N, C-alpha and C. Protein backbone atom coordinates (compact mmCIF):
# COMPACT_ATOMS: atom_id res chain seq x y z
N MET A 1 -27.21 16.68 -14.88
CA MET A 1 -26.19 16.19 -15.79
C MET A 1 -26.62 14.81 -16.31
N GLU A 2 -26.50 14.60 -17.58
CA GLU A 2 -26.84 13.31 -18.17
C GLU A 2 -25.82 12.26 -17.78
N THR A 3 -26.21 11.01 -17.86
CA THR A 3 -25.33 9.89 -17.51
C THR A 3 -24.05 9.93 -18.34
N LYS A 4 -24.17 10.19 -19.63
CA LYS A 4 -23.00 10.23 -20.50
C LYS A 4 -22.03 11.32 -20.04
N GLU A 5 -22.55 12.49 -19.68
CA GLU A 5 -21.70 13.58 -19.21
C GLU A 5 -21.05 13.23 -17.87
N THR A 6 -21.79 12.55 -17.01
CA THR A 6 -21.24 12.12 -15.73
C THR A 6 -20.08 11.16 -15.94
N ILE A 7 -20.28 10.22 -16.83
CA ILE A 7 -19.21 9.25 -17.12
C ILE A 7 -17.98 9.96 -17.67
N GLN A 8 -18.18 10.87 -18.60
CA GLN A 8 -17.05 11.60 -19.18
C GLN A 8 -16.31 12.42 -18.12
N LYS A 9 -17.08 13.06 -17.23
CA LYS A 9 -16.46 13.85 -16.17
C LYS A 9 -15.63 12.98 -15.22
N LEU A 10 -16.17 11.83 -14.83
CA LEU A 10 -15.45 10.94 -13.92
C LEU A 10 -14.16 10.42 -14.55
N ILE A 11 -14.23 10.08 -15.84
CA ILE A 11 -13.01 9.64 -16.53
C ILE A 11 -12.01 10.79 -16.62
N ALA A 12 -12.47 11.97 -16.94
CA ALA A 12 -11.58 13.14 -17.03
C ALA A 12 -10.95 13.44 -15.68
N ASP A 13 -11.72 13.33 -14.59
CA ASP A 13 -11.18 13.57 -13.25
C ASP A 13 -10.10 12.56 -12.89
N SER A 14 -10.33 11.30 -13.28
CA SER A 14 -9.33 10.26 -13.02
C SER A 14 -8.05 10.53 -13.81
N ILE A 15 -8.20 10.91 -15.06
CA ILE A 15 -7.04 11.23 -15.90
C ILE A 15 -6.28 12.42 -15.31
N GLU A 16 -7.01 13.43 -14.85
CA GLU A 16 -6.37 14.61 -14.27
C GLU A 16 -5.52 14.24 -13.05
N ALA A 17 -6.06 13.39 -12.17
CA ALA A 17 -5.30 12.97 -10.98
C ALA A 17 -4.04 12.21 -11.40
N LYS A 18 -4.19 11.31 -12.35
CA LYS A 18 -3.03 10.52 -12.80
C LYS A 18 -2.02 11.41 -13.54
N GLN A 19 -2.52 12.42 -14.25
CA GLN A 19 -1.63 13.35 -14.94
C GLN A 19 -0.71 14.05 -13.93
N LYS A 20 -1.26 14.36 -12.76
CA LYS A 20 -0.45 14.99 -11.71
C LYS A 20 0.66 14.06 -11.22
N MET A 21 0.43 12.75 -11.33
CA MET A 21 1.45 11.78 -10.92
C MET A 21 2.69 11.85 -11.80
N LEU A 22 2.56 12.47 -12.98
CA LEU A 22 3.70 12.61 -13.88
C LEU A 22 4.68 13.69 -13.43
N GLY A 23 4.30 14.48 -12.44
CA GLY A 23 5.20 15.52 -11.93
C GLY A 23 6.47 14.89 -11.36
N SER A 24 7.59 15.57 -11.54
CA SER A 24 8.88 15.00 -11.14
C SER A 24 8.93 14.61 -9.67
N GLU A 25 8.27 15.39 -8.79
CA GLU A 25 8.29 15.05 -7.36
C GLU A 25 7.58 13.73 -7.10
N HIS A 26 6.50 13.45 -7.86
CA HIS A 26 5.80 12.17 -7.71
C HIS A 26 6.65 11.02 -8.27
N ILE A 27 7.24 11.23 -9.44
CA ILE A 27 8.06 10.19 -10.07
C ILE A 27 9.22 9.81 -9.15
N GLU A 28 9.90 10.80 -8.60
CA GLU A 28 11.04 10.53 -7.72
C GLU A 28 10.60 9.81 -6.45
N TYR A 29 9.45 10.20 -5.91
CA TYR A 29 8.96 9.58 -4.69
C TYR A 29 8.56 8.12 -4.95
N ILE A 30 7.91 7.86 -6.07
CA ILE A 30 7.53 6.50 -6.44
C ILE A 30 8.79 5.65 -6.60
N GLN A 31 9.80 6.20 -7.25
CA GLN A 31 11.07 5.48 -7.43
C GLN A 31 11.71 5.15 -6.08
N THR A 32 11.67 6.09 -5.15
CA THR A 32 12.25 5.87 -3.82
C THR A 32 11.51 4.74 -3.10
N ILE A 33 10.19 4.74 -3.17
CA ILE A 33 9.40 3.67 -2.55
C ILE A 33 9.75 2.32 -3.16
N ALA A 34 9.75 2.26 -4.48
CA ALA A 34 10.06 0.99 -5.16
C ALA A 34 11.46 0.51 -4.80
N ASP A 35 12.43 1.41 -4.78
CA ASP A 35 13.81 1.03 -4.45
C ASP A 35 13.92 0.48 -3.03
N LYS A 36 13.16 1.06 -2.11
CA LYS A 36 13.20 0.59 -0.72
C LYS A 36 12.64 -0.84 -0.62
N ILE A 37 11.58 -1.13 -1.37
CA ILE A 37 11.01 -2.47 -1.35
C ILE A 37 11.96 -3.46 -2.04
N VAL A 38 12.55 -3.06 -3.14
CA VAL A 38 13.53 -3.89 -3.84
C VAL A 38 14.69 -4.23 -2.89
N GLU A 39 15.17 -3.23 -2.17
CA GLU A 39 16.26 -3.43 -1.21
C GLU A 39 15.87 -4.46 -0.15
N ALA A 40 14.65 -4.34 0.38
CA ALA A 40 14.19 -5.28 1.40
C ALA A 40 14.13 -6.71 0.85
N TYR A 41 13.57 -6.87 -0.35
CA TYR A 41 13.52 -8.20 -0.95
C TYR A 41 14.93 -8.74 -1.19
N GLY A 42 15.85 -7.86 -1.55
CA GLY A 42 17.24 -8.27 -1.74
C GLY A 42 17.89 -8.74 -0.46
N ASN A 43 17.35 -8.30 0.68
CA ASN A 43 17.85 -8.70 2.00
C ASN A 43 17.00 -9.82 2.61
N ASN A 44 16.24 -10.52 1.76
CA ASN A 44 15.38 -11.64 2.21
C ASN A 44 14.33 -11.23 3.23
N LYS A 45 13.79 -10.03 3.06
CA LYS A 45 12.71 -9.56 3.92
C LYS A 45 11.39 -9.69 3.17
N LYS A 46 10.29 -9.29 3.80
CA LYS A 46 8.97 -9.43 3.20
C LYS A 46 8.21 -8.11 3.27
N THR A 47 7.10 -8.07 2.56
CA THR A 47 6.18 -6.94 2.67
C THR A 47 4.94 -7.41 3.42
N ILE A 48 4.43 -6.52 4.25
CA ILE A 48 3.18 -6.74 4.98
C ILE A 48 2.32 -5.52 4.67
N ILE A 49 1.08 -5.77 4.25
CA ILE A 49 0.24 -4.69 3.73
C ILE A 49 -1.12 -4.70 4.40
N CYS A 50 -1.65 -3.51 4.72
CA CYS A 50 -3.01 -3.46 5.29
C CYS A 50 -3.76 -2.24 4.79
N GLY A 51 -5.07 -2.31 4.93
CA GLY A 51 -5.97 -1.22 4.58
C GLY A 51 -7.40 -1.64 4.89
N ASN A 52 -8.30 -0.68 4.98
CA ASN A 52 -9.72 -0.95 5.24
C ASN A 52 -10.53 -0.82 3.96
N GLY A 53 -11.66 -1.52 3.88
CA GLY A 53 -12.58 -1.36 2.76
C GLY A 53 -11.91 -1.60 1.43
N GLY A 54 -12.04 -0.63 0.51
CA GLY A 54 -11.41 -0.74 -0.80
C GLY A 54 -9.89 -0.86 -0.68
N SER A 55 -9.33 -0.22 0.32
CA SER A 55 -7.89 -0.30 0.54
C SER A 55 -7.48 -1.70 1.01
N ALA A 56 -8.38 -2.42 1.69
CA ALA A 56 -8.11 -3.82 2.05
C ALA A 56 -8.00 -4.66 0.78
N ALA A 57 -8.88 -4.37 -0.18
CA ALA A 57 -8.83 -5.08 -1.47
C ALA A 57 -7.53 -4.74 -2.20
N ASP A 58 -7.09 -3.49 -2.13
CA ASP A 58 -5.82 -3.10 -2.75
C ASP A 58 -4.65 -3.82 -2.08
N ALA A 59 -4.71 -3.98 -0.75
CA ALA A 59 -3.66 -4.72 -0.03
C ALA A 59 -3.61 -6.17 -0.50
N LEU A 60 -4.78 -6.79 -0.64
CA LEU A 60 -4.84 -8.16 -1.15
C LEU A 60 -4.27 -8.26 -2.56
N HIS A 61 -4.63 -7.30 -3.40
CA HIS A 61 -4.15 -7.25 -4.79
C HIS A 61 -2.62 -7.15 -4.81
N PHE A 62 -2.07 -6.23 -4.04
CA PHE A 62 -0.63 -6.01 -4.00
C PHE A 62 0.10 -7.29 -3.57
N ALA A 63 -0.37 -7.90 -2.48
CA ALA A 63 0.28 -9.11 -1.98
C ALA A 63 0.20 -10.24 -3.00
N ALA A 64 -0.95 -10.39 -3.66
CA ALA A 64 -1.10 -11.44 -4.68
C ALA A 64 -0.11 -11.24 -5.82
N GLU A 65 0.09 -10.00 -6.25
CA GLU A 65 1.04 -9.73 -7.33
C GLU A 65 2.46 -10.13 -6.93
N MET A 66 2.81 -9.95 -5.65
CA MET A 66 4.14 -10.31 -5.18
C MET A 66 4.31 -11.82 -5.04
N VAL A 67 3.31 -12.47 -4.48
CA VAL A 67 3.41 -13.91 -4.24
C VAL A 67 3.30 -14.70 -5.54
N VAL A 68 2.38 -14.34 -6.40
CA VAL A 68 2.13 -15.13 -7.61
C VAL A 68 2.95 -14.61 -8.79
N ARG A 69 2.59 -13.46 -9.31
CA ARG A 69 3.31 -12.84 -10.42
C ARG A 69 2.61 -11.54 -10.75
N PHE A 70 3.33 -10.61 -11.36
CA PHE A 70 2.72 -9.42 -11.93
C PHE A 70 2.68 -9.59 -13.44
N GLU A 71 3.83 -9.43 -14.09
CA GLU A 71 3.88 -9.60 -15.55
C GLU A 71 4.78 -10.74 -15.98
N LYS A 72 5.63 -11.22 -15.10
CA LYS A 72 6.56 -12.27 -15.52
C LYS A 72 6.52 -13.44 -14.55
N ASN A 73 6.75 -14.63 -15.10
CA ASN A 73 6.88 -15.82 -14.26
C ASN A 73 8.24 -15.75 -13.59
N ARG A 74 8.24 -15.82 -12.28
CA ARG A 74 9.48 -15.71 -11.51
C ARG A 74 9.23 -16.31 -10.13
N LYS A 75 10.28 -16.36 -9.34
CA LYS A 75 10.19 -16.89 -7.99
C LYS A 75 9.17 -16.06 -7.18
N ALA A 76 8.43 -16.72 -6.33
CA ALA A 76 7.47 -16.02 -5.47
C ALA A 76 8.19 -15.13 -4.47
N LEU A 77 7.60 -13.97 -4.19
CA LEU A 77 8.15 -13.05 -3.21
C LEU A 77 7.23 -13.04 -1.98
N PRO A 78 7.79 -13.06 -0.78
CA PRO A 78 6.96 -13.12 0.43
C PRO A 78 6.22 -11.81 0.69
N SER A 79 4.90 -11.91 0.77
CA SER A 79 4.05 -10.75 1.02
C SER A 79 2.78 -11.21 1.72
N ILE A 80 2.38 -10.47 2.74
CA ILE A 80 1.18 -10.81 3.52
C ILE A 80 0.24 -9.62 3.52
N ALA A 81 -1.02 -9.87 3.16
CA ALA A 81 -2.07 -8.85 3.28
C ALA A 81 -2.83 -9.15 4.57
N LEU A 82 -2.86 -8.20 5.48
CA LEU A 82 -3.47 -8.43 6.79
C LEU A 82 -4.98 -8.50 6.75
N SER A 83 -5.59 -8.21 5.60
CA SER A 83 -7.04 -8.31 5.48
C SER A 83 -7.49 -9.69 5.02
N GLU A 84 -6.54 -10.61 4.81
CA GLU A 84 -6.92 -11.90 4.24
C GLU A 84 -7.49 -12.89 5.25
N ASN A 85 -7.20 -12.74 6.53
CA ASN A 85 -7.67 -13.71 7.51
C ASN A 85 -8.81 -13.11 8.34
N VAL A 86 -10.03 -13.40 7.94
CA VAL A 86 -11.21 -12.84 8.59
C VAL A 86 -11.30 -13.30 10.04
N SER A 87 -10.93 -14.55 10.33
CA SER A 87 -10.98 -15.05 11.70
C SER A 87 -10.08 -14.24 12.62
N THR A 88 -8.88 -13.92 12.15
CA THR A 88 -7.95 -13.13 12.96
C THR A 88 -8.48 -11.72 13.17
N ILE A 89 -9.01 -11.11 12.12
CA ILE A 89 -9.53 -9.75 12.23
C ILE A 89 -10.69 -9.69 13.22
N THR A 90 -11.61 -10.64 13.11
CA THR A 90 -12.78 -10.62 14.00
C THR A 90 -12.41 -11.00 15.43
N ALA A 91 -11.46 -11.92 15.61
CA ALA A 91 -11.01 -12.29 16.96
C ALA A 91 -10.32 -11.10 17.63
N ALA A 92 -9.44 -10.43 16.89
CA ALA A 92 -8.77 -9.25 17.45
C ALA A 92 -9.78 -8.16 17.76
N GLY A 93 -10.75 -7.97 16.86
CA GLY A 93 -11.80 -6.98 17.09
C GLY A 93 -12.62 -7.30 18.32
N ASN A 94 -12.96 -8.56 18.50
CA ASN A 94 -13.76 -8.98 19.65
C ASN A 94 -12.97 -8.89 20.96
N ASP A 95 -11.73 -9.38 20.95
CA ASP A 95 -10.95 -9.47 22.19
C ASP A 95 -10.22 -8.19 22.56
N PHE A 96 -9.83 -7.38 21.56
CA PHE A 96 -9.03 -6.19 21.85
C PHE A 96 -9.63 -4.90 21.30
N GLY A 97 -10.63 -5.00 20.44
CA GLY A 97 -11.21 -3.83 19.79
C GLY A 97 -10.71 -3.74 18.35
N TYR A 98 -11.57 -3.22 17.48
CA TYR A 98 -11.25 -3.18 16.05
C TYR A 98 -9.96 -2.40 15.77
N ASP A 99 -9.64 -1.43 16.61
CA ASP A 99 -8.42 -0.64 16.40
C ASP A 99 -7.16 -1.50 16.45
N GLN A 100 -7.26 -2.69 17.04
CA GLN A 100 -6.10 -3.60 17.15
C GLN A 100 -6.10 -4.69 16.08
N SER A 101 -7.04 -4.64 15.15
CA SER A 101 -7.20 -5.73 14.18
C SER A 101 -5.97 -5.96 13.31
N PHE A 102 -5.21 -4.93 13.03
CA PHE A 102 -3.98 -5.09 12.23
C PHE A 102 -2.74 -5.11 13.11
N SER A 103 -2.71 -4.35 14.17
CA SER A 103 -1.49 -4.27 14.99
C SER A 103 -1.15 -5.62 15.62
N ARG A 104 -2.17 -6.40 16.01
CA ARG A 104 -1.91 -7.74 16.55
C ARG A 104 -1.21 -8.61 15.50
N GLN A 105 -1.63 -8.48 14.26
CA GLN A 105 -1.00 -9.27 13.19
C GLN A 105 0.42 -8.77 12.90
N VAL A 106 0.61 -7.46 12.97
CA VAL A 106 1.96 -6.92 12.78
C VAL A 106 2.89 -7.50 13.84
N GLU A 107 2.42 -7.55 15.09
CA GLU A 107 3.23 -8.13 16.17
C GLU A 107 3.59 -9.58 15.87
N ALA A 108 2.68 -10.31 15.22
CA ALA A 108 2.92 -11.72 14.93
C ALA A 108 3.85 -11.94 13.74
N PHE A 109 3.74 -11.11 12.71
CA PHE A 109 4.42 -11.39 11.45
C PHE A 109 5.61 -10.49 11.11
N ALA A 110 5.63 -9.27 11.59
CA ALA A 110 6.68 -8.32 11.17
C ALA A 110 7.99 -8.56 11.90
N GLN A 111 9.05 -8.32 11.17
CA GLN A 111 10.40 -8.39 11.72
C GLN A 111 11.15 -7.13 11.31
N SER A 112 12.20 -6.84 12.02
CA SER A 112 13.03 -5.69 11.69
C SER A 112 13.52 -5.82 10.24
N GLY A 113 13.41 -4.74 9.49
CA GLY A 113 13.86 -4.73 8.10
C GLY A 113 12.77 -5.07 7.10
N ASP A 114 11.64 -5.61 7.57
CA ASP A 114 10.51 -5.85 6.67
C ASP A 114 9.94 -4.50 6.23
N ILE A 115 9.13 -4.54 5.19
CA ILE A 115 8.42 -3.35 4.71
C ILE A 115 6.96 -3.47 5.13
N PHE A 116 6.46 -2.48 5.85
CA PHE A 116 5.05 -2.44 6.22
C PHE A 116 4.38 -1.34 5.40
N ILE A 117 3.39 -1.72 4.60
CA ILE A 117 2.69 -0.78 3.73
C ILE A 117 1.28 -0.58 4.26
N ALA A 118 0.95 0.66 4.60
CA ALA A 118 -0.35 1.01 5.17
C ALA A 118 -1.12 1.85 4.15
N ILE A 119 -2.33 1.39 3.82
CA ILE A 119 -3.15 2.10 2.83
C ILE A 119 -4.39 2.64 3.53
N SER A 120 -4.55 3.95 3.49
CA SER A 120 -5.73 4.61 4.07
C SER A 120 -5.92 5.91 3.31
N THR A 121 -7.01 6.03 2.58
CA THR A 121 -7.18 7.25 1.79
C THR A 121 -7.26 8.48 2.66
N SER A 122 -7.83 8.36 3.86
CA SER A 122 -7.89 9.52 4.76
C SER A 122 -6.56 9.74 5.46
N GLY A 123 -5.81 8.67 5.63
CA GLY A 123 -4.58 8.74 6.41
C GLY A 123 -4.83 8.77 7.90
N ASN A 124 -6.06 8.50 8.31
CA ASN A 124 -6.43 8.62 9.73
C ASN A 124 -7.12 7.39 10.30
N SER A 125 -7.16 6.28 9.60
CA SER A 125 -7.85 5.09 10.10
C SER A 125 -7.17 4.59 11.38
N PRO A 126 -7.90 4.55 12.51
CA PRO A 126 -7.26 4.18 13.79
C PRO A 126 -6.56 2.82 13.77
N ASN A 127 -7.15 1.81 13.13
CA ASN A 127 -6.50 0.50 13.13
C ASN A 127 -5.24 0.50 12.26
N VAL A 128 -5.22 1.30 11.22
CA VAL A 128 -4.03 1.41 10.38
C VAL A 128 -2.94 2.20 11.13
N ILE A 129 -3.33 3.25 11.83
CA ILE A 129 -2.38 4.05 12.62
C ILE A 129 -1.71 3.18 13.68
N LYS A 130 -2.50 2.37 14.39
CA LYS A 130 -1.94 1.49 15.43
C LYS A 130 -1.01 0.45 14.82
N ALA A 131 -1.34 -0.03 13.63
CA ALA A 131 -0.47 -0.99 12.96
C ALA A 131 0.87 -0.35 12.59
N ILE A 132 0.83 0.89 12.14
CA ILE A 132 2.08 1.61 11.84
C ILE A 132 2.93 1.74 13.10
N GLU A 133 2.29 2.11 14.20
CA GLU A 133 3.01 2.23 15.47
C GLU A 133 3.68 0.91 15.84
N SER A 134 2.96 -0.20 15.70
CA SER A 134 3.52 -1.52 16.02
C SER A 134 4.68 -1.86 15.09
N ALA A 135 4.52 -1.57 13.80
CA ALA A 135 5.58 -1.87 12.83
C ALA A 135 6.85 -1.08 13.15
N LYS A 136 6.69 0.18 13.51
CA LYS A 136 7.85 1.02 13.83
C LYS A 136 8.58 0.49 15.07
N LYS A 137 7.83 0.05 16.08
CA LYS A 137 8.45 -0.51 17.30
C LYS A 137 9.30 -1.74 16.98
N ILE A 138 8.84 -2.52 16.02
CA ILE A 138 9.55 -3.75 15.64
C ILE A 138 10.76 -3.44 14.77
N GLY A 139 10.75 -2.30 14.11
CA GLY A 139 11.86 -1.93 13.24
C GLY A 139 11.59 -2.17 11.77
N ALA A 140 10.30 -2.33 11.42
CA ALA A 140 9.94 -2.43 10.00
C ALA A 140 9.98 -1.03 9.39
N PHE A 141 10.26 -0.96 8.10
CA PHE A 141 10.24 0.30 7.38
C PHE A 141 8.80 0.54 6.95
N THR A 142 8.25 1.71 7.26
CA THR A 142 6.83 1.97 7.01
C THR A 142 6.62 2.86 5.80
N ILE A 143 5.70 2.41 4.94
CA ILE A 143 5.31 3.16 3.75
C ILE A 143 3.80 3.37 3.80
N GLY A 144 3.36 4.60 3.64
CA GLY A 144 1.94 4.91 3.64
C GLY A 144 1.45 5.28 2.24
N MET A 145 0.18 5.03 2.02
CA MET A 145 -0.49 5.46 0.79
C MET A 145 -1.79 6.13 1.23
N THR A 146 -1.91 7.44 0.97
CA THR A 146 -3.05 8.23 1.43
C THR A 146 -3.58 9.11 0.31
N ASN A 147 -4.50 10.01 0.68
CA ASN A 147 -4.95 11.01 -0.28
C ASN A 147 -4.03 12.23 -0.21
N GLU A 148 -4.41 13.28 -0.87
CA GLU A 148 -3.59 14.49 -0.98
C GLU A 148 -3.20 15.10 0.37
N ASP A 149 -4.09 15.00 1.36
CA ASP A 149 -3.82 15.59 2.67
C ASP A 149 -2.83 14.77 3.49
N GLY A 150 -2.89 13.47 3.37
CA GLY A 150 -1.96 12.59 4.09
C GLY A 150 -2.41 12.21 5.49
N GLY A 151 -3.24 13.02 6.10
CA GLY A 151 -3.71 12.72 7.46
C GLY A 151 -2.57 12.52 8.43
N LYS A 152 -2.84 11.78 9.50
CA LYS A 152 -1.82 11.50 10.53
C LYS A 152 -0.68 10.66 9.98
N MET A 153 -0.99 9.82 8.99
CA MET A 153 0.03 8.92 8.46
C MET A 153 1.18 9.66 7.79
N LYS A 154 0.92 10.82 7.26
CA LYS A 154 1.94 11.56 6.51
C LYS A 154 3.20 11.78 7.34
N SER A 155 3.04 12.12 8.62
CA SER A 155 4.20 12.36 9.46
C SER A 155 4.67 11.11 10.21
N MET A 156 3.86 10.06 10.21
CA MET A 156 4.20 8.84 10.93
C MET A 156 5.07 7.89 10.13
N CYS A 157 4.80 7.79 8.83
CA CYS A 157 5.47 6.80 7.99
C CYS A 157 6.86 7.27 7.57
N ASP A 158 7.74 6.31 7.34
CA ASP A 158 9.07 6.65 6.83
C ASP A 158 8.96 7.29 5.45
N LEU A 159 8.05 6.76 4.63
CA LEU A 159 7.70 7.34 3.33
C LEU A 159 6.18 7.31 3.23
N CYS A 160 5.59 8.37 2.74
CA CYS A 160 4.14 8.38 2.58
C CYS A 160 3.78 8.99 1.23
N TYR A 161 3.17 8.16 0.35
CA TYR A 161 2.75 8.67 -0.95
C TYR A 161 1.35 9.24 -0.81
N CYS A 162 1.21 10.54 -1.02
CA CYS A 162 -0.08 11.22 -0.96
C CYS A 162 -0.59 11.38 -2.38
N ALA A 163 -1.56 10.56 -2.74
CA ALA A 163 -2.13 10.62 -4.09
C ALA A 163 -2.67 12.02 -4.36
N PRO A 164 -2.49 12.54 -5.56
CA PRO A 164 -2.84 13.93 -5.86
C PRO A 164 -4.34 14.18 -6.05
N SER A 165 -5.14 13.82 -5.04
CA SER A 165 -6.57 14.10 -5.05
C SER A 165 -7.11 13.97 -3.64
N LYS A 166 -8.10 14.79 -3.31
CA LYS A 166 -8.78 14.68 -2.02
C LYS A 166 -9.99 13.77 -2.12
N ILE A 167 -10.38 13.41 -3.34
CA ILE A 167 -11.54 12.56 -3.56
C ILE A 167 -11.11 11.10 -3.38
N THR A 168 -11.80 10.39 -2.50
CA THR A 168 -11.43 9.01 -2.16
C THR A 168 -11.27 8.13 -3.40
N ALA A 169 -12.26 8.14 -4.29
CA ALA A 169 -12.20 7.27 -5.47
C ALA A 169 -10.99 7.59 -6.35
N ARG A 170 -10.70 8.88 -6.54
CA ARG A 170 -9.55 9.26 -7.37
C ARG A 170 -8.25 8.84 -6.69
N ALA A 171 -8.15 9.02 -5.37
CA ALA A 171 -6.95 8.61 -4.64
C ALA A 171 -6.75 7.10 -4.76
N GLN A 172 -7.84 6.33 -4.64
CA GLN A 172 -7.75 4.88 -4.77
C GLN A 172 -7.30 4.48 -6.17
N GLU A 173 -7.77 5.18 -7.18
CA GLU A 173 -7.35 4.90 -8.55
C GLU A 173 -5.85 5.16 -8.72
N CYS A 174 -5.37 6.22 -8.10
CA CYS A 174 -3.92 6.50 -8.12
C CYS A 174 -3.15 5.43 -7.36
N HIS A 175 -3.72 4.95 -6.25
CA HIS A 175 -3.05 3.91 -5.47
C HIS A 175 -2.87 2.64 -6.29
N ILE A 176 -3.89 2.25 -7.02
CA ILE A 176 -3.77 1.01 -7.80
C ILE A 176 -2.74 1.18 -8.91
N LEU A 177 -2.67 2.36 -9.51
CA LEU A 177 -1.62 2.62 -10.50
C LEU A 177 -0.25 2.57 -9.83
N LEU A 178 -0.12 3.18 -8.66
CA LEU A 178 1.13 3.14 -7.90
C LEU A 178 1.54 1.70 -7.62
N ILE A 179 0.60 0.88 -7.18
CA ILE A 179 0.89 -0.53 -6.90
C ILE A 179 1.40 -1.22 -8.16
N HIS A 180 0.76 -1.00 -9.29
CA HIS A 180 1.20 -1.64 -10.54
C HIS A 180 2.58 -1.17 -10.96
N ILE A 181 2.86 0.10 -10.79
CA ILE A 181 4.19 0.63 -11.13
C ILE A 181 5.25 -0.03 -10.25
N ILE A 182 4.98 -0.08 -8.95
CA ILE A 182 5.93 -0.68 -8.01
C ILE A 182 6.15 -2.15 -8.34
N CYS A 183 5.08 -2.88 -8.65
CA CYS A 183 5.20 -4.31 -9.00
C CYS A 183 6.11 -4.49 -10.21
N ARG A 184 5.93 -3.64 -11.20
CA ARG A 184 6.75 -3.74 -12.42
C ARG A 184 8.22 -3.49 -12.10
N ILE A 185 8.49 -2.45 -11.31
CA ILE A 185 9.88 -2.13 -10.96
C ILE A 185 10.50 -3.25 -10.13
N ILE A 186 9.74 -3.81 -9.20
CA ILE A 186 10.24 -4.90 -8.36
C ILE A 186 10.61 -6.09 -9.24
N GLU A 187 9.73 -6.47 -10.14
CA GLU A 187 10.05 -7.62 -11.01
C GLU A 187 11.29 -7.36 -11.85
N GLU A 188 11.44 -6.15 -12.35
CA GLU A 188 12.60 -5.84 -13.18
C GLU A 188 13.89 -5.84 -12.36
N LYS A 189 13.85 -5.21 -11.17
CA LYS A 189 15.08 -5.02 -10.40
C LYS A 189 15.46 -6.23 -9.56
N VAL A 190 14.48 -6.89 -8.95
CA VAL A 190 14.80 -8.04 -8.11
C VAL A 190 15.31 -9.20 -8.96
N PHE A 191 14.69 -9.40 -10.12
CA PHE A 191 15.03 -10.55 -10.93
C PHE A 191 15.97 -10.22 -12.08
N ASN A 192 16.02 -8.97 -12.51
CA ASN A 192 17.01 -8.50 -13.48
C ASN A 192 17.26 -9.51 -14.61
N GLY A 193 16.17 -9.92 -15.28
CA GLY A 193 16.28 -10.85 -16.39
C GLY A 193 16.25 -12.31 -15.98
N ARG A 194 16.27 -12.59 -14.65
CA ARG A 194 16.20 -13.97 -14.17
C ARG A 194 14.76 -14.34 -13.86
N GLU A 195 14.50 -15.61 -13.80
CA GLU A 195 13.17 -16.11 -13.42
C GLU A 195 13.09 -16.25 -11.91
């Protein structure tokens, strides 16, 4: 296959996955997730987000949009990405094992009523699974973002968005769109015309 054809196919595959997100079951599920986060912010709670690799970057992106701004200048919203502190991740990995790299931070930062967002395209990352377990023990509401299969996270999380693709890259592309949609809804509903 020529490079041009490869590029066209990859773009078409991405569009196809996102087209599936237009299905009513996806729209309703995205709305439910956004409403739950809006509710938490309305109750002076925070979001805590984690993921590995590209999903760690997505967690950082999501938290930055909440703390700084998405599309409008407004009051900062409390959000922590657990991939941001390399010293904590490596210390937890060294002292307790990499599987505890996020759960130790959840124990430190999460409170009952907070939103814990776990991103894992496979839905099976051991350190993300342990973090979900810790968040649930504390009483945080857990939201997962996975691929089409959902992995172990599908049944563990209070809500789990399974992106409509088994291909990691396509699922990640859907996740970033999901994050942007949620950010837009949060800004509209939390601030409702206010700064």
